[in-house]
């Protein structure tokens, strides 16, 4: 079976992500009033787990899920587990 070739461009993604270092909305997170899930991977090299914790702490009544075995791409790293956990949150 041949592996599907991705058209994902890491260089473009990295360039696009540079702007995020100057884009900070943390002081507005407490204004979120809808049910919110914050999901992160313990081994995320792009968004450290501490950032996910900070975000969840600032959003009232949010739910934080840290996937212990995974990194940034939760839907790729562990598709079934991440989809299952997020689906359960939506059904509640």
PDB file of N, CA and C in Angstrom:
ATOM      1  N   UNK A   1       0.845  -1.179   0.000  1.00  0.00           N
ATOM      2  CA  UNK A   1       0.000   0.000   0.000  1.00  0.00           C
ATOM      3  C   UNK A   1       0.888   1.239   0.000  1.00  0.00           C
ATOM      4  N   UNK A   2       0.647   2.141  -0.907  1.00  0.00           N
ATOM      5  CA  UNK A   2       1.436   3.351  -1.027  1.00  0.00           C
ATOM      6  C   UNK A   2       0.936   4.422  -0.065  1.00  0.00           C
ATOM      7  N   UNK A   3       1.859   5.078   0.585  1.00  0.00           N
ATOM      8  CA  UNK A   3       1.518   6.134   1.519  1.00  0.00           C
ATOM      9  C   UNK A   3       1.118   7.395   0.753  1.00  0.00           C
ATOM     10  N   UNK A   4       0.047   8.031   1.184  1.00  0.00           N
ATOM     11  CA  UNK A   4      -0.421   9.254   0.549  1.00  0.00           C
ATOM     12  C   UNK A   4       0.579  10.378   0.805  1.00  0.00           C
ATOM     13  N   UNK A   5       0.961  11.062  -0.235  1.00  0.00           N
ATOM     14  CA  UNK A   5       1.913  12.160  -0.107  1.00  0.00           C
ATOM     15  C   UNK A   5       1.186  13.408   0.386  1.00  0.00           C
ATOM     16  N   UNK A   6       1.748  14.035   1.385  1.00  0.00           N
ATOM     17  CA  UNK A   6       1.174  15.246   1.946  1.00  0.00           C
ATOM     18  C   UNK A   6       1.671  16.463   1.176  1.00  0.00           C
ATOM     19  N   UNK A   7       0.819  17.453   1.046  1.00  0.00           N
ATOM     20  CA  UNK A   7       1.241  18.702   0.433  1.00  0.00           C
ATOM     21  C   UNK A   7       1.517  19.774   1.491  1.00  0.00           C
ATOM     22  N   UNK A   8       1.655  19.336   2.739  1.00  0.00           N
ATOM     23  CA  UNK A   8       1.937  20.253   3.840  1.00  0.00           C
ATOM     24  C   UNK A   8       3.328  20.849   3.676  1.00  0.00           C
ATOM     25  N   UNK A   9       3.442  22.145   3.841  1.00  0.00           N
ATOM     26  CA  UNK A   9       4.705  22.850   3.670  1.00  0.00           C
ATOM     27  C   UNK A   9       5.183  23.342   5.036  1.00  0.00           C
ATOM     28  N   UNK A  10       6.167  22.645   5.598  1.00  0.00           N
ATOM     29  CA  UNK A  10       6.675  22.992   6.931  1.00  0.00           C
ATOM     30  C   UNK A  10       7.277  24.390   6.956  1.00  0.00           C
ATOM     31  N   UNK A  11       7.994  24.761   5.932  1.00  0.00           N
ATOM     32  CA  UNK A  11       8.624  26.083   5.893  1.00  0.00           C
ATOM     33  C   UNK A  11       7.564  27.187   5.944  1.00  0.00           C
ATOM     34  N   UNK A  12       6.518  27.033   5.162  1.00  0.00           N
ATOM     35  CA  UNK A  12       5.437  28.021   5.168  1.00  0.00           C
ATOM     36  C   UNK A  12       4.737  28.056   6.528  1.00  0.00           C
ATOM     37  N   UNK A  13       4.521  26.896   7.109  1.00  0.00           N
ATOM     38  CA  UNK A  13       3.875  26.839   8.423  1.00  0.00           C
ATOM     39  C   UNK A  13       4.721  27.530   9.481  1.00  0.00           C
ATOM     40  N   UNK A  14       6.008  27.301   9.454  1.00  0.00           N
ATOM     41  CA  UNK A  14       6.896  27.943  10.426  1.00  0.00           C
ATOM     42  C   UNK A  14       6.924  29.452  10.248  1.00  0.00           C
ATOM     43  N   UNK A  15       6.945  29.911   9.016  1.00  0.00           N
ATOM     44  CA  UNK A  15       6.920  31.355   8.759  1.00  0.00           C
ATOM     45  C   UNK A  15       5.612  31.962   9.258  1.00  0.00           C
ATOM     46  N   UNK A  16       4.513  31.285   8.972  1.00  0.00           N
ATOM     47  CA  UNK A  16       3.217  31.778   9.406  1.00  0.00           C
ATOM     48  C   UNK A  16       3.076  31.804  10.914  1.00  0.00           C
ATOM     49  N   UNK A  17       3.706  30.865  11.582  1.00  0.00           N
ATOM     50  CA  UNK A  17       3.611  30.784  13.041  1.00  0.00           C
ATOM     51  C   UNK A  17       4.437  31.854  13.744  1.00  0.00           C
ATOM     52  N   UNK A  18       5.396  32.429  13.071  1.00  0.00           N
ATOM     53  CA  UNK A  18       6.237  33.456  13.705  1.00  0.00           C
ATOM     54  C   UNK A  18       5.408  34.630  14.214  1.00  0.00           C
ATOM     55  N   UNK A  19       4.357  34.969  13.490  1.00  0.00           N
ATOM     56  CA  UNK A  19       3.540  36.097  13.907  1.00  0.00           C
ATOM     57  C   UNK A  19       2.830  35.818  15.232  1.00  0.00           C
ATOM     58  N   UNK A  20       2.607  34.554  15.545  1.00  0.00           N
ATOM     59  CA  UNK A  20       1.917  34.214  16.787  1.00  0.00           C
ATOM     60  C   UNK A  20       2.686  34.658  18.023  1.00  0.00           C
ATOM     61  N   UNK A  21       3.996  34.808  17.901  1.00  0.00           N
ATOM     62  CA  UNK A  21       4.800  35.259  19.036  1.00  0.00           C
ATOM     63  C   UNK A  21       4.455  36.687  19.437  1.00  0.00           C
ATOM     64  N   UNK A  22       3.858  37.452  18.533  1.00  0.00           N
ATOM     65  CA  UNK A  22       3.510  38.840  18.827  1.00  0.00           C
ATOM     66  C   UNK A  22       2.003  39.025  18.976  1.00  0.00           C
ATOM     67  N   UNK A  23       1.240  37.976  18.860  1.00  0.00           N
ATOM     68  CA  UNK A  23      -0.221  38.027  18.885  1.00  0.00           C
ATOM     69  C   UNK A  23      -0.695  37.422  20.197  1.00  0.00           C
ATOM     70  N   UNK A  24      -1.108  38.255  21.148  1.00  0.00           N
ATOM     71  CA  UNK A  24      -1.436  37.780  22.486  1.00  0.00           C
ATOM     72  C   UNK A  24      -2.838  38.236  22.890  1.00  0.00           C
ATOM     73  N   UNK A  25      -3.720  37.289  23.090  1.00  0.00           N
ATOM     74  CA  UNK A  25      -5.088  37.585  23.507  1.00  0.00           C
ATOM     75  C   UNK A  25      -5.404  37.019  24.887  1.00  0.00           C
ATOM     76  N   UNK A  26      -4.381  36.686  25.649  1.00  0.00           N
ATOM     77  CA  UNK A  26      -4.588  36.074  26.965  1.00  0.00           C
ATOM     78  C   UNK A  26      -5.498  36.927  27.840  1.00  0.00           C
ATOM     79  N   UNK A  27      -5.347  38.241  27.779  1.00  0.00           N
ATOM     80  CA  UNK A  27      -6.156  39.115  28.628  1.00  0.00           C
ATOM     81  C   UNK A  27      -7.630  39.160  28.216  1.00  0.00           C
ATOM     82  N   UNK A  28      -7.989  38.524  27.111  1.00  0.00           N
ATOM     83  CA  UNK A  28      -9.377  38.487  26.667  1.00  0.00           C
ATOM     84  C   UNK A  28     -10.022  37.108  26.839  1.00  0.00           C
ATOM     85  N   UNK A  29      -9.241  36.131  27.265  1.00  0.00           N
ATOM     86  CA  UNK A  29      -9.766  34.769  27.381  1.00  0.00           C
ATOM     87  C   UNK A  29     -10.907  34.659  28.385  1.00  0.00           C
ATOM     88  N   UNK A  30     -10.890  35.483  29.422  1.00  0.00           N
ATOM     89  CA  UNK A  30     -11.943  35.411  30.436  1.00  0.00           C
ATOM     90  C   UNK A  30     -13.300  35.883  29.910  1.00  0.00           C
ATOM     91  N   UNK A  31     -13.335  36.410  28.707  1.00  0.00           N
ATOM     92  CA  UNK A  31     -14.591  36.849  28.093  1.00  0.00           C
ATOM     93  C   UNK A  31     -15.304  35.712  27.353  1.00  0.00           C
ATOM     94  N   UNK A  32     -14.642  34.593  27.209  1.00  0.00           N
ATOM     95  CA  UNK A  32     -15.259  33.448  26.530  1.00  0.00           C
ATOM     96  C   UNK A  32     -16.319  32.866  27.455  1.00  0.00           C
ATOM     97  N   UNK A  33     -17.546  32.748  26.943  1.00  0.00           N
ATOM     98  CA  UNK A  33     -18.643  32.300  27.800  1.00  0.00           C
ATOM     99  C   UNK A  33     -19.310  31.015  27.313  1.00  0.00           C
ATOM    100  N   UNK A  34     -18.813  30.430  26.268  1.00  0.00           N
ATOM    101  CA  UNK A  34     -19.391  29.179  25.778  1.00  0.00           C
ATOM    102  C   UNK A  34     -18.562  27.997  26.289  1.00  0.00           C
ATOM    103  N   UNK A  35     -19.143  26.804  26.297  1.00  0.00           N
ATOM    104  CA  UNK A  35     -18.368  25.631  26.716  1.00  0.00           C
ATOM    105  C   UNK A  35     -17.101  25.512  25.864  1.00  0.00           C
ATOM    106  N   UNK A  36     -15.982  25.321  26.533  1.00  0.00           N
ATOM    107  CA  UNK A  36     -14.690  25.338  25.844  1.00  0.00           C
ATOM    108  C   UNK A  36     -13.825  24.185  26.307  1.00  0.00           C
ATOM    109  N   UNK A  37     -13.221  23.525  25.347  1.00  0.00           N
ATOM    110  CA  UNK A  37     -12.237  22.497  25.651  1.00  0.00           C
ATOM    111  C   UNK A  37     -10.881  23.011  25.179  1.00  0.00           C
ATOM    112  N   UNK A  38      -9.893  22.851  26.019  1.00  0.00           N
ATOM    113  CA  UNK A  38      -8.515  23.188  25.663  1.00  0.00           C
ATOM    114  C   UNK A  38      -7.759  21.868  25.647  1.00  0.00           C
ATOM    115  N   UNK A  39      -7.254  21.497  24.487  1.00  0.00           N
ATOM    116  CA  UNK A  39      -6.560  20.217  24.340  1.00  0.00           C
ATOM    117  C   UNK A  39      -5.115  20.465  23.948  1.00  0.00           C
ATOM    118  N   UNK A  40      -4.226  19.723  24.571  1.00  0.00           N
ATOM    119  CA  UNK A  40      -2.811  19.848  24.251  1.00  0.00           C
ATOM    120  C   UNK A  40      -2.102  18.522  24.406  1.00  0.00           C
ATOM    121  N   UNK A  41      -0.954  18.444  23.799  1.00  0.00           N
ATOM    122  CA  UNK A  41      -0.135  17.245  23.916  1.00  0.00           C
ATOM    123  C   UNK A  41       1.035  17.488  24.852  1.00  0.00           C
ATOM    124  N   UNK A  42       1.318  16.539  25.703  1.00  0.00           N
ATOM    125  CA  UNK A  42       2.405  16.669  26.679  1.00  0.00           C
ATOM    126  C   UNK A  42       3.748  16.949  26.003  1.00  0.00           C
ATOM    127  N   UNK A  43       3.958  16.415  24.810  1.00  0.00           N
ATOM    128  CA  UNK A  43       5.246  16.546  24.123  1.00  0.00           C
ATOM    129  C   UNK A  43       5.189  17.540  22.968  1.00  0.00           C
ATOM    130  N   UNK A  44       4.294  18.504  23.070  1.00  0.00           N
ATOM    131  CA  UNK A  44       4.121  19.510  22.017  1.00  0.00           C
ATOM    132  C   UNK A  44       5.308  20.466  22.015  1.00  0.00           C
ATOM    133  N   UNK A  45       6.014  20.526  20.907  1.00  0.00           N
ATOM    134  CA  UNK A  45       7.171  21.411  20.791  1.00  0.00           C
ATOM    135  C   UNK A  45       6.777  22.770  20.208  1.00  0.00           C
ATOM    136  N   UNK A  46       5.533  22.905  19.749  1.00  0.00           N
ATOM    137  CA  UNK A  46       5.064  24.159  19.167  1.00  0.00           C
ATOM    138  C   UNK A  46       4.325  24.986  20.216  1.00  0.00           C
ATOM    139  N   UNK A  47       3.386  24.365  20.890  1.00  0.00           N
ATOM    140  CA  UNK A  47       2.641  25.018  21.965  1.00  0.00           C
ATOM    141  C   UNK A  47       2.893  24.221  23.237  1.00  0.00           C
ATOM    142  N   UNK A  48       3.777  24.701  24.094  1.00  0.00           N
ATOM    143  CA  UNK A  48       4.102  23.951  25.311  1.00  0.00           C
ATOM    144  C   UNK A  48       2.859  23.688  26.161  1.00  0.00           C
ATOM    145  N   UNK A  49       2.873  22.589  26.867  1.00  0.00           N
ATOM    146  CA  UNK A  49       1.732  22.210  27.693  1.00  0.00           C
ATOM    147  C   UNK A  49       1.403  23.313  28.703  1.00  0.00           C
ATOM    148  N   UNK A  50       2.398  24.050  29.130  1.00  0.00           N
ATOM    149  CA  UNK A  50       2.155  25.163  30.063  1.00  0.00           C
ATOM    150  C   UNK A  50       1.239  26.217  29.444  1.00  0.00           C
ATOM    151  N   UNK A  51       1.338  26.413  28.141  1.00  0.00           N
ATOM    152  CA  UNK A  51       0.462  27.371  27.459  1.00  0.00           C
ATOM    153  C   UNK A  51      -0.981  26.883  27.473  1.00  0.00           C
ATOM    154  N   UNK A  52      -1.180  25.593  27.261  1.00  0.00           N
ATOM    155  CA  UNK A  52      -2.535  25.035  27.313  1.00  0.00           C
ATOM    156  C   UNK A  52      -3.122  25.195  28.711  1.00  0.00           C
ATOM    157  N   UNK A  53      -2.305  24.972  29.720  1.00  0.00           N
ATOM    158  CA  UNK A  53      -2.760  25.133  31.107  1.00  0.00           C
ATOM    159  C   UNK A  53      -3.137  26.583  31.370  1.00  0.00           C
ATOM    160  N   UNK A  54      -2.302  27.520  30.955  1.00  0.00           N
ATOM    161  CA  UNK A  54      -2.580  28.950  31.136  1.00  0.00           C
ATOM    162  C   UNK A  54      -3.890  29.335  30.447  1.00  0.00           C
ATOM    163  N   UNK A  55      -4.075  28.878  29.231  1.00  0.00           N
ATOM    164  CA  UNK A  55      -5.300  29.194  28.493  1.00  0.00           C
ATOM    165  C   UNK A  55      -6.517  28.654  29.235  1.00  0.00           C
ATOM    166  N   UNK A  56      -6.464  27.404  29.655  1.00  0.00           N
ATOM    167  CA  UNK A  56      -7.596  26.797  30.363  1.00  0.00           C
ATOM    168  C   UNK A  56      -7.889  27.510  31.680  1.00  0.00           C
ATOM    169  N   UNK A  57      -6.858  27.962  32.364  1.00  0.00           N
ATOM    170  CA  UNK A  57      -7.056  28.681  33.627  1.00  0.00           C
ATOM    171  C   UNK A  57      -7.761  30.017  33.413  1.00  0.00           C
ATOM    172  N   UNK A  58      -7.603  30.609  32.260  1.00  0.00           N
ATOM    173  CA  UNK A  58      -8.175  31.924  31.987  1.00  0.00           C
ATOM    174  C   UNK A  58      -9.598  31.869  31.436  1.00  0.00           C
ATOM    175  N   UNK A  59     -10.012  30.728  30.912  1.00  0.00           N
ATOM    176  CA  UNK A  59     -11.352  30.592  30.335  1.00  0.00           C
ATOM    177  C   UNK A  59     -12.274  29.984  31.389  1.00  0.00           C
ATOM    178  N   UNK A  60     -13.302  30.727  31.808  1.00  0.00           N
ATOM    179  CA  UNK A  60     -14.204  30.225  32.843  1.00  0.00           C
ATOM    180  C   UNK A  60     -14.828  28.879  32.462  1.00  0.00           C
ATOM    181  N   UNK A  61     -14.808  27.962  33.397  1.00  0.00           N
ATOM    182  CA  UNK A  61     -15.449  26.648  33.250  1.00  0.00           C
ATOM    183  C   UNK A  61     -14.965  25.849  32.042  1.00  0.00           C
ATOM    184  N   UNK A  62     -13.752  26.102  31.601  1.00  0.00           N
ATOM    185  CA  UNK A  62     -13.220  25.318  30.478  1.00  0.00           C
ATOM    186  C   UNK A  62     -12.755  23.956  30.981  1.00  0.00           C
ATOM    187  N   UNK A  63     -12.630  23.039  30.053  1.00  0.00           N
ATOM    188  CA  UNK A  63     -12.104  21.714  30.376  1.00  0.00           C
ATOM    189  C   UNK A  63     -10.749  21.553  29.696  1.00  0.00           C
ATOM    190  N   UNK A  64      -9.759  21.156  30.465  1.00  0.00           N
ATOM    191  CA  UNK A  64      -8.410  20.948  29.949  1.00  0.00           C
ATOM    192  C   UNK A  64      -8.157  19.458  29.774  1.00  0.00           C
ATOM    193  N   UNK A  65      -7.702  19.081  28.587  1.00  0.00           N
ATOM    194  CA  UNK A  65      -7.300  17.701  28.336  1.00  0.00           C
ATOM    195  C   UNK A  65      -5.869  17.726  27.827  1.00  0.00           C
ATOM    196  N   UNK A  66      -4.991  17.046  28.550  1.00  0.00           N
ATOM    197  CA  UNK A  66      -3.606  16.892  28.114  1.00  0.00           C
ATOM    198  C   UNK A  66      -3.433  15.440  27.682  1.00  0.00           C
ATOM    199  N   UNK A  67      -3.065  15.248  26.438  1.00  0.00           N
ATOM    200  CA  UNK A  67      -2.803  13.908  25.924  1.00  0.00           C
ATOM    201  C   UNK A  67      -1.346  13.585  26.231  1.00  0.00           C
ATOM    202  N   UNK A  68      -1.144  12.669  27.150  1.00  0.00           N
ATOM    203  CA  UNK A  68       0.178  12.405  27.721  1.00  0.00           C
ATOM    204  C   UNK A  68       1.204  11.868  26.728  1.00  0.00           C
ATOM    205  N   UNK A  69       0.794  11.138  25.730  1.00  0.00           N
ATOM    206  CA  UNK A  69       1.745  10.483  24.825  1.00  0.00           C
ATOM    207  C   UNK A  69       2.028  11.281  23.556  1.00  0.00           C
ATOM    208  N   UNK A  70       1.372  12.403  23.374  1.00  0.00           N
ATOM    209  CA  UNK A  70       1.370  13.010  22.054  1.00  0.00           C
ATOM    210  C   UNK A  70       1.952  14.417  22.022  1.00  0.00           C
ATOM    211  N   UNK A  71       2.126  14.912  20.793  1.00  0.00           N
ATOM    212  CA  UNK A  71       2.702  16.244  20.623  1.00  0.00           C
ATOM    213  C   UNK A  71       1.635  17.197  20.076  1.00  0.00           C
ATOM    214  N   UNK A  72       1.954  17.987  19.082  1.00  0.00           N
ATOM    215  CA  UNK A  72       1.078  19.064  18.624  1.00  0.00           C
ATOM    216  C   UNK A  72      -0.100  18.577  17.789  1.00  0.00           C
ATOM    217  N   UNK A  73       0.105  17.562  17.001  1.00  0.00           N
ATOM    218  CA  UNK A  73      -0.905  17.137  16.043  1.00  0.00           C
ATOM    219  C   UNK A  73      -1.748  16.003  16.616  1.00  0.00           C
ATOM    220  N   UNK A  74      -2.632  16.348  17.546  1.00  0.00           N
ATOM    221  CA  UNK A  74      -3.426  15.352  18.254  1.00  0.00           C
ATOM    222  C   UNK A  74      -4.246  14.484  17.317  1.00  0.00           C
ATOM    223  N   UNK A  75      -4.769  15.071  16.266  1.00  0.00           N
ATOM    224  CA  UNK A  75      -5.631  14.313  15.360  1.00  0.00           C
ATOM    225  C   UNK A  75      -4.833  13.378  14.464  1.00  0.00           C
ATOM    226  N   UNK A  76      -3.543  13.593  14.384  1.00  0.00           N
ATOM    227  CA  UNK A  76      -2.672  12.701  13.626  1.00  0.00           C
ATOM    228  C   UNK A  76      -2.036  11.694  14.571  1.00  0.00           C
ATOM    229  N   UNK A  77      -1.492  12.201  15.693  1.00  0.00           N
ATOM    230  CA  UNK A  77      -0.792  11.342  16.646  1.00  0.00           C
ATOM    231  C   UNK A  77      -1.694  10.247  17.197  1.00  0.00           C
ATOM    232  N   UNK A  78      -2.868  10.613  17.625  1.00  0.00           N
ATOM    233  CA  UNK A  78      -3.796   9.635  18.198  1.00  0.00           C
ATOM    234  C   UNK A  78      -5.208  10.038  17.835  1.00  0.00           C
ATOM    235  N   UNK A  79      -5.553   9.762  16.617  1.00  0.00           N
ATOM    236  CA  UNK A  79      -6.826  10.186  16.065  1.00  0.00           C
ATOM    237  C   UNK A  79      -8.009   9.681  16.872  1.00  0.00           C
ATOM    238  N   UNK A  80      -8.053   8.406  17.165  1.00  0.00           N
ATOM    239  CA  UNK A  80      -9.223   7.840  17.848  1.00  0.00           C
ATOM    240  C   UNK A  80      -9.410   8.408  19.246  1.00  0.00           C
ATOM    241  N   UNK A  81      -8.331   8.497  20.008  1.00  0.00           N
ATOM    242  CA  UNK A  81      -8.463   9.001  21.380  1.00  0.00           C
ATOM    243  C   UNK A  81      -8.881  10.464  21.395  1.00  0.00           C
ATOM    244  N   UNK A  82      -8.242  11.287  20.581  1.00  0.00           N
ATOM    245  CA  UNK A  82      -8.576  12.712  20.598  1.00  0.00           C
ATOM    246  C   UNK A  82     -10.003  12.948  20.107  1.00  0.00           C
ATOM    247  N   UNK A  83     -10.405  12.282  19.055  1.00  0.00           N
ATOM    248  CA  UNK A  83     -11.774  12.427  18.550  1.00  0.00           C
ATOM    249  C   UNK A  83     -12.782  11.946  19.587  1.00  0.00           C
ATOM    250  N   UNK A  84     -12.491  10.847  20.244  1.00  0.00           N
ATOM    251  CA  UNK A  84     -13.390  10.308  21.264  1.00  0.00           C
ATOM    252  C   UNK A  84     -13.565  11.284  22.426  1.00  0.00           C
ATOM    253  N   UNK A  85     -12.466  11.819  22.922  1.00  0.00           N
ATOM    254  CA  UNK A  85     -12.535  12.749  24.064  1.00  0.00           C
ATOM    255  C   UNK A  85     -13.272  14.030  23.691  1.00  0.00           C
ATOM    256  N   UNK A  86     -12.993  14.553  22.523  1.00  0.00           N
ATOM    257  CA  UNK A  86     -13.642  15.795  22.099  1.00  0.00           C
ATOM    258  C   UNK A  86     -15.123  15.544  21.796  1.00  0.00           C
ATOM    259  N   UNK A  87     -15.445  14.420  21.203  1.00  0.00           N
ATOM    260  CA  UNK A  87     -16.851  14.072  20.945  1.00  0.00           C
ATOM    261  C   UNK A  87     -17.628  13.952  22.249  1.00  0.00           C
ATOM    262  N   UNK A  88     -17.029  13.350  23.259  1.00  0.00           N
ATOM    263  CA  UNK A  88     -17.683  13.232  24.570  1.00  0.00           C
ATOM    264  C   UNK A  88     -17.967  14.602  25.160  1.00  0.00           C
ATOM    265  N   UNK A  89     -17.030  15.516  25.019  1.00  0.00           N
ATOM    266  CA  UNK A  89     -17.212  16.879  25.519  1.00  0.00           C
ATOM    267  C   UNK A  89     -18.391  17.548  24.815  1.00  0.00           C
ATOM    268  N   UNK A  90     -18.473  17.390  23.517  1.00  0.00           N
ATOM    269  CA  UNK A  90     -19.540  18.025  22.740  1.00  0.00           C
ATOM    270  C   UNK A  90     -20.907  17.464  23.131  1.00  0.00           C
ATOM    271  N   UNK A  91     -20.976  16.161  23.416  1.00  0.00           N
ATOM    272  CA  UNK A  91     -22.245  15.520  23.764  1.00  0.00           C
ATOM    273  C   UNK A  91     -22.752  15.932  25.140  1.00  0.00           C
ATOM    274  N   UNK A  92     -21.872  16.390  26.013  1.00  0.00           N
ATOM    275  CA  UNK A  92     -22.279  16.753  27.386  1.00  0.00           C
ATOM    276  C   UNK A  92     -23.136  17.950  27.423  1.00  0.00           C
TER     277      UNK A  92
END
